[in-house]
Amino acid sequence: MSLFAETPEAPYYAVIFTSKLRAPAEGYGEMADRMSELAKQMPGYLGIESARGADGLGITVSYWACEDAIANWKAESEHQEAQNRGKRDWYEHFELRVAKVERAYAFSR
């Protein structure tokens, strides 16, 4: 499994979710894994990249074909439950940004 999402030629959209976990964050890892699997089933999903440091700071970038796909993901009922639990139990702080990717390039050795 690659750590990098395989995205199509631009343009497409990126949802950038930066969060700081509270301690303890019991059940968070399982929910994050479930949301990743659920997102893959959504129309317009293109991929995901995610990292979390030992200090609890994490950044997840999910890629989507269009804004409608992002709206459908936000409205998905199980995802809404996870969002509510995150606000209630897991996150100290988070920020979400939606960006249109106009250009993209890569390097690989």
C-alpha atoms as a PDB file:
ATOM      1  CA  MET A   1       0.000   0.000   0.000  1.00  0.00           C
ATOM      2  CA  SER A   2       1.364   3.391  -0.992  1.00  0.00           C
ATOM      3  CA  LEU A   3       1.539   6.264   1.482  1.00  0.00           C
ATOM      4  CA  PHE A   4       0.613   8.597  -1.369  1.00  0.00           C
ATOM      5  CA  ALA A   5      -2.802   8.915  -3.001  1.00  0.00           C
ATOM      6  CA  GLU A   6      -2.869   8.249  -6.727  1.00  0.00           C
ATOM      7  CA  THR A   7      -4.825  11.231  -7.979  1.00  0.00           C
ATOM      8  CA  PRO A   8      -5.919  11.978 -11.526  1.00  0.00           C
ATOM      9  CA  GLU A   9      -4.773  14.900 -13.607  1.00  0.00           C
ATOM     10  CA  ALA A  10      -5.866  18.216 -12.049  1.00  0.00           C
ATOM     11  CA  PRO A  11      -8.254  19.799 -11.411  1.00  0.00           C
ATOM     12  CA  TYR A  12      -9.750  17.994  -8.432  1.00  0.00           C
ATOM     13  CA  TYR A  13     -10.396  18.893  -4.794  1.00  0.00           C
ATOM     14  CA  ALA A  14      -8.538  18.360  -1.527  1.00  0.00           C
ATOM     15  CA  VAL A  15     -10.122  18.363   1.921  1.00  0.00           C
ATOM     16  CA  ILE A  16      -7.405  19.164   4.449  1.00  0.00           C
ATOM     17  CA  PHE A  17      -8.253  18.172   8.019  1.00  0.00           C
ATOM     18  CA  THR A  18      -5.749  19.235  10.679  1.00  0.00           C
ATOM     19  CA  SER A  19      -6.484  18.128  14.228  1.00  0.00           C
ATOM     20  CA  LYS A  20      -5.048  17.955  17.731  1.00  0.00           C
ATOM     21  CA  LEU A  21      -6.227  14.962  19.750  1.00  0.00           C
ATOM     22  CA  ARG A  22      -7.102  15.080  23.423  1.00  0.00           C
ATOM     23  CA  ALA A  23      -5.700  12.349  25.619  1.00  0.00           C
ATOM     24  CA  PRO A  24      -6.892   9.701  25.996  1.00  0.00           C
ATOM     25  CA  ALA A  25      -8.504   9.195  22.605  1.00  0.00           C
ATOM     26  CA  GLU A  26      -9.991   5.758  23.167  1.00  0.00           C
ATOM     27  CA  GLY A  27     -11.598   4.316  20.058  1.00  0.00           C
ATOM     28  CA  TYR A  28     -10.228   7.033  17.780  1.00  0.00           C
ATOM     29  CA  GLY A  29      -7.938   4.791  15.733  1.00  0.00           C
ATOM     30  CA  GLU A  30     -10.710   2.316  15.011  1.00  0.00           C
ATOM     31  CA  MET A  31     -13.078   5.110  13.981  1.00  0.00           C
ATOM     32  CA  ALA A  32     -10.431   6.708  11.760  1.00  0.00           C
ATOM     33  CA  ASP A  33      -9.869   3.368  10.035  1.00  0.00           C
ATOM     34  CA  ARG A  34     -13.629   2.923   9.555  1.00  0.00           C
ATOM     35  CA  MET A  35     -14.010   6.413   8.080  1.00  0.00           C
ATOM     36  CA  SER A  36     -11.154   5.749   5.672  1.00  0.00           C
ATOM     37  CA  GLU A  37     -12.861   2.550   4.480  1.00  0.00           C
ATOM     38  CA  LEU A  38     -16.260   4.251   4.249  1.00  0.00           C
ATOM     39  CA  ALA A  39     -14.860   7.196   2.258  1.00  0.00           C
ATOM     40  CA  LYS A  40     -13.458   4.762  -0.331  1.00  0.00           C
ATOM     41  CA  GLN A  41     -17.030   3.648  -1.069  1.00  0.00           C
ATOM     42  CA  MET A  42     -18.261   7.183  -1.798  1.00  0.00           C
ATOM     43  CA  PRO A  43     -18.743   8.322  -5.403  1.00  0.00           C
ATOM     44  CA  GLY A  44     -16.083  10.860  -6.348  1.00  0.00           C
ATOM     45  CA  TYR A  45     -13.522   9.669  -3.788  1.00  0.00           C
ATOM     46  CA  LEU A  46      -9.978   9.750  -5.207  1.00  0.00           C
ATOM     47  CA  GLY A  47      -7.658   8.926  -2.308  1.00  0.00           C
ATOM     48  CA  ILE A  48      -6.285   9.861   1.102  1.00  0.00           C
ATOM     49  CA  GLU A  49      -2.988  10.711   2.791  1.00  0.00           C
ATOM     50  CA  SER A  50      -2.694  10.894   6.566  1.00  0.00           C
ATOM     51  CA  ALA A  51      -0.069  11.359   9.282  1.00  0.00           C
ATOM     52  CA  ARG A  52      -0.194  11.840  13.056  1.00  0.00           C
ATOM     53  CA  GLY A  53       2.655  12.774  15.354  1.00  0.00           C
ATOM     54  CA  ALA A  54       3.311  11.522  18.880  1.00  0.00           C
ATOM     55  CA  ASP A  55       2.099  14.920  20.157  1.00  0.00           C
ATOM     56  CA  GLY A  56      -1.396  14.222  18.771  1.00  0.00           C
ATOM     57  CA  LEU A  57      -1.178  16.647  15.830  1.00  0.00           C
ATOM     58  CA  GLY A  58      -2.530  15.020  12.681  1.00  0.00           C
ATOM     59  CA  ILE A  59      -3.129  16.017   9.087  1.00  0.00           C
ATOM     60  CA  THR A  60      -5.376  14.067   6.766  1.00  0.00           C
ATOM     61  CA  VAL A  61      -5.878  15.107   3.162  1.00  0.00           C
ATOM     62  CA  SER A  62      -8.660  13.420   1.227  1.00  0.00           C
ATOM     63  CA  TYR A  63      -9.046  13.957  -2.503  1.00  0.00           C
ATOM     64  CA  TRP A  64     -12.353  14.266  -4.338  1.00  0.00           C
ATOM     65  CA  ALA A  65     -13.485  14.639  -7.943  1.00  0.00           C
ATOM     66  CA  CYS A  66     -15.908  17.505  -7.281  1.00  0.00           C
ATOM     67  CA  GLU A  67     -17.548  19.648  -4.615  1.00  0.00           C
ATOM     68  CA  ASP A  68     -20.753  17.589  -4.742  1.00  0.00           C
ATOM     69  CA  ALA A  69     -18.768  14.486  -3.728  1.00  0.00           C
ATOM     70  CA  ILE A  70     -17.350  16.395  -0.751  1.00  0.00           C
ATOM     71  CA  ALA A  71     -20.836  17.546   0.289  1.00  0.00           C
ATOM     72  CA  ASN A  72     -22.155  13.981   0.040  1.00  0.00           C
ATOM     73  CA  TRP A  73     -19.290  12.730   2.211  1.00  0.00           C
ATOM     74  CA  LYS A  74     -19.947  15.426   4.814  1.00  0.00           C
ATOM     75  CA  ALA A  75     -23.646  14.463   4.888  1.00  0.00           C
ATOM     76  CA  GLU A  76     -23.096  10.686   5.101  1.00  0.00           C
ATOM     77  CA  SER A  77     -24.816   9.531   8.328  1.00  0.00           C
ATOM     78  CA  GLU A  78     -22.036   7.360   9.756  1.00  0.00           C
ATOM     79  CA  HIS A  79     -19.516  10.112   8.999  1.00  0.00           C
ATOM     80  CA  GLN A  80     -21.748  12.625  10.802  1.00  0.00           C
ATOM     81  CA  GLU A  81     -21.781  10.353  13.864  1.00  0.00           C
ATOM     82  CA  ALA A  82     -17.974  10.254  13.766  1.00  0.00           C
ATOM     83  CA  GLN A  83     -17.825  14.055  13.436  1.00  0.00           C
ATOM     84  CA  ASN A  84     -20.057  14.464  16.488  1.00  0.00           C
ATOM     85  CA  ARG A  85     -18.022  12.006  18.530  1.00  0.00           C
ATOM     86  CA  GLY A  86     -14.835  13.782  17.491  1.00  0.00           C
ATOM     87  CA  LYS A  87     -16.144  17.109  18.777  1.00  0.00           C
ATOM     88  CA  ARG A  88     -17.439  15.527  21.973  1.00  0.00           C
ATOM     89  CA  ASP A  89     -14.644  13.087  22.834  1.00  0.00           C
ATOM     90  CA  TRP A  90     -11.477  13.263  20.755  1.00  0.00           C
ATOM     91  CA  TYR A  91     -10.461  16.673  19.453  1.00  0.00           C
ATOM     92  CA  GLU A  92      -8.832  19.481  21.361  1.00  0.00           C
ATOM     93  CA  HIS A  93      -8.961  21.560  18.171  1.00  0.00           C
ATOM     94  CA  PHE A  94      -9.409  21.001  14.443  1.00  0.00           C
ATOM     95  CA  GLU A  95      -9.476  22.957  11.227  1.00  0.00           C
ATOM     96  CA  LEU A  96     -10.884  21.872   7.891  1.00  0.00           C
ATOM     97  CA  ARG A  97     -10.053  23.467   4.575  1.00  0.00           C
ATOM     98  CA  VAL A  98     -11.323  22.669   1.097  1.00  0.00           C
ATOM     99  CA  ALA A  99      -9.051  23.541  -1.807  1.00  0.00           C
ATOM    100  CA  LYS A 100      -9.206  23.113  -5.555  1.00  0.00           C
ATOM    101  CA  VAL A 101      -6.026  21.508  -6.876  1.00  0.00           C
ATOM    102  CA  GLU A 102      -5.115  23.344 -10.069  1.00  0.00           C
ATOM    103  CA  ARG A 103      -1.690  21.764 -10.633  1.00  0.00           C
ATOM    104  CA  ALA A 104       0.091  18.750  -9.238  1.00  0.00           C
ATOM    105  CA  TYR A 105       3.400  17.076  -9.905  1.00  0.00           C
ATOM    106  CA  ALA A 106       5.511  14.415  -8.253  1.00  0.00           C
ATOM    107  CA  PHE A 107       9.050  13.112  -7.934  1.00  0.00           C
ATOM    108  CA  SER A 108      10.042   9.567  -7.183  1.00  0.00           C
ATOM    109  CA  ARG A 109      13.428   7.898  -7.070  1.00  0.00           C
END
